[in-house]
Each structure stands twice: as structure tokens, then as C-alpha cells.
Amino acid sequence: SIGPNCAFVPGDITSDADRRRMIEEAVRHGDGLQGLVNTAGNMLRGAITELLAEDIASLLDSNVIAGMMLAGLAVPHLEKQGGAVLFVGSVHTRRAFPLASAYAASKGAVEVLSRVLAAELGPRRIRVNCLVPGAVPTEINVRAGVAQSMEQNLARLKSLESDHPLGRIGTPSEIAE
């Protein structure tokens, strides 16, 4: 449960109308806006010789452009109270995984965007950060075809536990906290 002070506002982040509606509903729910968390994203996997430009453009739209546009819509509300924007990056920017060039490039863009927006929006009392988790069992790997099921995904990610400073993989609830 997220409690009464928070609200989920579902929508298609690649749709300008939905982005505007999401911000408006969040502002209405909270009588203002204190934070924006950009967690939505997709993964595209494939050999560089087989990737299609339109698939890469779609990935960049969901992973980079949508969050950027949401942040822009949120700024007038966030600056009223000194709010925050959080983006979610990826371990793919720290470690090279074959067949993940498009995804890694999109998450690299998110990390750079976060630093630039921190410099741009800091004077307006808006903090911008980027969380870069290690392996976390979510459905993104199943959707991308890396694993055929959540069980297979969990087993694959658990094999990476020794690569993590905590000696284990993360959990979705840890990221949500």
C-alpha cells in the first residue's frame, strides 16, 4: 500500500495528452506536487547488425523523451515547494552486456539528462537524481526475451549476486523505498 498521500496515475508516457493528464491528476491529488519519479521503461535487445531504427526510436521515446517531457511539465509545480525529480538508470551503464547497446544507450542518456537537469533546476530549488540499481527481478527482462518467465529471470539474476556489494540482488520494494 502506498498510503493516502501518494497516488498512482496510470497512462501512456509516450502520449503528450496522457503525460499532461498524469501531472494534472497528481497535482490535484496532492494539492501540489512534491516529486516526480520516472520509473517507466522498456528494454530492446539485439545484435547491432539487426536493430531497426524505428525500434531504437521507440525505446528512446519511452526511456528518455517521456521522462524528460514529464519533468518539464512538473517544473512549475515542483518549484513552488522545492520538489524533486528521480530518474532510474541501469547497471547497463556500468557493465557491458552483449546485445544491450540500445538499452544501455537509453539509460546512459537518462543519467546524463539527470546531471544536466540537476544543474538547470537546482537554482529553482528542484533536486534531480538518478538511481542506478544493480540486478532487480522485474518483468522487463521477461518482456525483452532475456528470460522466459519470472522464475527463470530470478534464477538468472541470482547467479549475479556475487557481483553486488551486498552479496545479493535488489528487490523492487527497495527501489520503491
Protein backbone atom coordinates (compact mmCIF):
# COMPACT_ATOMS: atom_id res chain seq x y z
CA SER A 1 0.00 0.00 0.00
CA ILE A 2 1.31 3.45 -0.89
CA GLY A 3 -0.86 5.31 1.59
CA PRO A 4 -3.24 8.20 1.05
CA ASN A 5 -0.51 10.79 0.44
CA CYS A 6 0.66 9.14 -2.77
CA ALA A 7 -1.20 8.23 -5.94
CA PHE A 8 -0.56 6.08 -8.96
CA VAL A 9 -1.72 7.75 -12.15
CA PRO A 10 -1.60 5.22 -15.00
CA GLY A 11 -1.14 6.31 -18.57
CA ASP A 12 0.99 6.05 -21.69
CA ILE A 13 4.11 8.09 -21.01
CA THR A 14 4.79 8.41 -24.73
CA SER A 15 1.48 10.26 -25.19
CA ASP A 16 1.60 14.02 -24.61
CA ALA A 17 -2.08 14.05 -23.62
CA ASP A 18 -1.53 11.27 -21.09
CA ARG A 19 1.58 12.96 -19.67
CA ARG A 20 -0.36 16.18 -19.16
CA ARG A 21 -3.26 14.28 -17.56
CA MET A 22 -0.90 12.39 -15.24
CA ILE A 23 0.69 15.61 -13.97
CA GLU A 24 -2.69 17.33 -13.60
CA GLU A 25 -4.15 14.40 -11.63
CA ALA A 26 -1.08 14.16 -9.40
CA VAL A 27 -1.22 17.90 -8.67
CA ARG A 28 -4.93 17.68 -7.91
CA HIS A 29 -4.47 14.66 -5.62
CA GLY A 30 -1.67 16.22 -3.61
CA ASP A 31 -2.78 19.83 -3.76
CA GLY A 32 0.53 20.45 -5.47
CA LEU A 33 3.47 18.29 -6.48
CA GLN A 34 6.45 17.43 -4.34
CA GLY A 35 8.09 14.79 -6.53
CA LEU A 36 8.16 13.04 -9.86
CA VAL A 37 9.52 9.50 -10.14
CA ASN A 38 10.31 8.35 -13.68
CA THR A 39 10.42 4.56 -13.42
CA ALA A 40 8.72 3.53 -16.64
CA GLY A 41 10.91 2.00 -19.27
CA ASN A 42 11.38 -0.65 -21.88
CA MET A 43 14.25 -2.81 -22.99
CA LEU A 44 15.37 -3.60 -26.51
CA ARG A 45 17.86 -6.38 -27.10
CA GLY A 46 19.53 -7.48 -30.29
CA ALA A 47 22.71 -7.52 -32.27
CA ILE A 48 23.75 -4.10 -33.55
CA THR A 49 23.57 -5.52 -37.07
CA GLU A 50 19.90 -6.40 -36.61
CA LEU A 51 18.46 -3.43 -34.72
CA LEU A 52 15.89 -1.31 -36.53
CA ALA A 53 15.94 2.47 -36.31
CA GLU A 54 12.23 2.64 -35.53
CA ASP A 55 12.63 0.22 -32.60
CA ILE A 56 15.51 2.29 -31.20
CA ALA A 57 13.46 5.48 -31.63
CA SER A 58 10.55 3.89 -29.75
CA LEU A 59 12.89 2.84 -26.93
CA LEU A 60 14.34 6.35 -26.67
CA ASP A 61 10.84 7.79 -26.66
CA SER A 62 9.77 5.68 -23.66
CA ASN A 63 13.06 5.65 -21.74
CA VAL A 64 14.37 9.18 -22.32
CA ILE A 65 12.00 11.59 -24.04
CA ALA A 66 8.90 10.74 -22.00
CA GLY A 67 10.65 11.32 -18.66
CA MET A 68 12.21 14.49 -19.98
CA MET A 69 8.82 15.84 -21.05
CA LEU A 70 7.19 14.80 -17.76
CA ALA A 71 9.91 16.64 -15.87
CA GLY A 72 9.28 19.75 -17.94
CA LEU A 73 5.55 19.59 -17.18
CA ALA A 74 6.26 19.08 -13.48
CA VAL A 75 8.68 22.01 -13.06
CA PRO A 76 6.10 24.78 -12.48
CA HIS A 77 4.54 22.69 -9.69
CA LEU A 78 7.77 21.39 -8.17
CA GLU A 79 9.40 24.80 -7.86
CA LYS A 80 6.55 26.09 -5.69
CA GLN A 81 7.65 23.84 -2.82
CA GLY A 82 11.18 22.82 -3.72
CA GLY A 83 10.45 19.35 -5.05
CA ALA A 84 12.46 16.55 -6.59
CA VAL A 85 12.70 14.52 -9.79
CA LEU A 86 14.02 10.97 -9.73
CA PHE A 87 15.05 9.03 -12.80
CA VAL A 88 16.01 5.35 -12.84
CA GLY A 89 19.19 4.40 -14.67
CA SER A 90 20.68 0.95 -15.09
CA VAL A 91 23.67 -1.20 -14.29
CA HIS A 92 23.96 -1.44 -18.09
CA THR A 93 25.84 1.88 -17.97
CA ARG A 94 28.43 0.39 -15.61
CA ARG A 95 28.87 -3.05 -17.13
CA ALA A 96 28.76 -4.04 -20.79
CA PHE A 97 26.20 -6.70 -21.65
CA PRO A 98 26.20 -8.05 -25.22
CA LEU A 99 23.04 -7.36 -27.25
CA ALA A 100 22.01 -4.47 -24.99
CA SER A 101 23.51 -1.50 -26.86
CA ALA A 102 20.21 0.32 -27.45
CA TYR A 103 19.03 -0.13 -23.86
CA ALA A 104 22.40 0.88 -22.42
CA ALA A 105 22.47 3.97 -24.65
CA SER A 106 18.98 4.98 -23.46
CA LYS A 107 19.94 4.58 -19.80
CA GLY A 108 23.21 6.45 -20.39
CA ALA A 109 21.12 9.29 -21.78
CA VAL A 110 18.91 9.20 -18.66
CA GLU A 111 21.97 9.50 -16.41
CA VAL A 112 23.38 12.46 -18.34
CA LEU A 113 19.95 14.07 -18.51
CA SER A 114 19.71 13.78 -14.72
CA ARG A 115 23.02 15.58 -14.21
CA VAL A 116 22.13 18.36 -16.65
CA LEU A 117 18.68 18.85 -15.13
CA ALA A 118 20.20 18.93 -11.64
CA ALA A 119 22.35 21.86 -12.76
CA GLU A 120 19.48 23.51 -14.62
CA LEU A 121 16.78 23.09 -11.99
CA GLY A 122 18.86 23.40 -8.82
CA PRO A 123 18.59 27.20 -8.81
CA ARG A 124 14.81 26.72 -8.89
CA ARG A 125 15.01 24.58 -5.71
CA ILE A 126 14.31 21.34 -7.58
CA ARG A 127 16.60 18.40 -6.85
CA VAL A 128 17.23 15.87 -9.64
CA ASN A 129 18.78 12.48 -9.05
CA CYS A 130 19.22 9.20 -10.87
CA LEU A 131 19.01 5.88 -9.06
CA VAL A 132 21.23 3.22 -10.66
CA PRO A 133 20.20 -0.17 -9.30
CA GLY A 134 22.01 -3.42 -9.84
CA ALA A 135 20.11 -6.56 -10.78
CA VAL A 136 16.47 -6.44 -9.70
CA PRO A 137 13.90 -9.11 -10.66
CA THR A 138 11.24 -7.22 -12.59
CA GLU A 139 9.27 -8.11 -15.69
CA ILE A 140 11.47 -6.01 -18.01
CA ASN A 141 13.79 -8.95 -18.74
CA VAL A 142 10.84 -11.24 -19.48
CA ARG A 143 9.30 -8.62 -21.81
CA ALA A 144 12.65 -8.27 -23.59
CA GLY A 145 13.01 -12.03 -24.03
CA VAL A 146 16.07 -12.35 -21.78
CA ALA A 147 14.10 -14.83 -19.66
CA GLN A 148 11.01 -16.83 -20.50
CA SER A 149 9.40 -16.48 -17.06
CA MET A 150 9.80 -14.56 -13.83
CA GLU A 151 11.13 -17.74 -12.20
CA GLN A 152 13.81 -18.10 -14.88
CA ASN A 153 14.58 -14.38 -14.59
CA LEU A 154 15.03 -14.66 -10.82
CA ALA A 155 17.36 -17.65 -11.18
CA ARG A 156 19.43 -15.82 -13.81
CA LEU A 157 19.74 -12.69 -11.69
CA LYS A 158 20.56 -14.66 -8.53
CA SER A 159 23.58 -16.03 -10.39
CA LEU A 160 24.88 -12.43 -10.39
CA GLU A 161 24.65 -11.98 -6.61
CA SER A 162 28.40 -12.19 -6.05
CA ASP A 163 28.87 -9.20 -8.38
CA HIS A 164 26.89 -6.99 -5.99
CA PRO A 165 28.45 -5.26 -2.95
CA LEU A 166 25.65 -6.55 -0.70
CA GLY A 167 26.18 -10.09 -1.95
CA ARG A 168 22.61 -10.27 -3.20
CA ILE A 169 20.37 -8.79 -5.87
CA GLY A 170 17.98 -5.96 -5.14
CA THR A 171 14.24 -6.06 -4.75
CA PRO A 172 11.56 -3.90 -6.35
CA SER A 173 10.40 -2.75 -2.90
CA GLU A 174 13.90 -1.47 -2.08
CA ILE A 175 13.80 0.73 -5.16
CA ALA A 176 10.32 1.95 -4.26
CA GLU A 177 11.51 2.94 -0.79
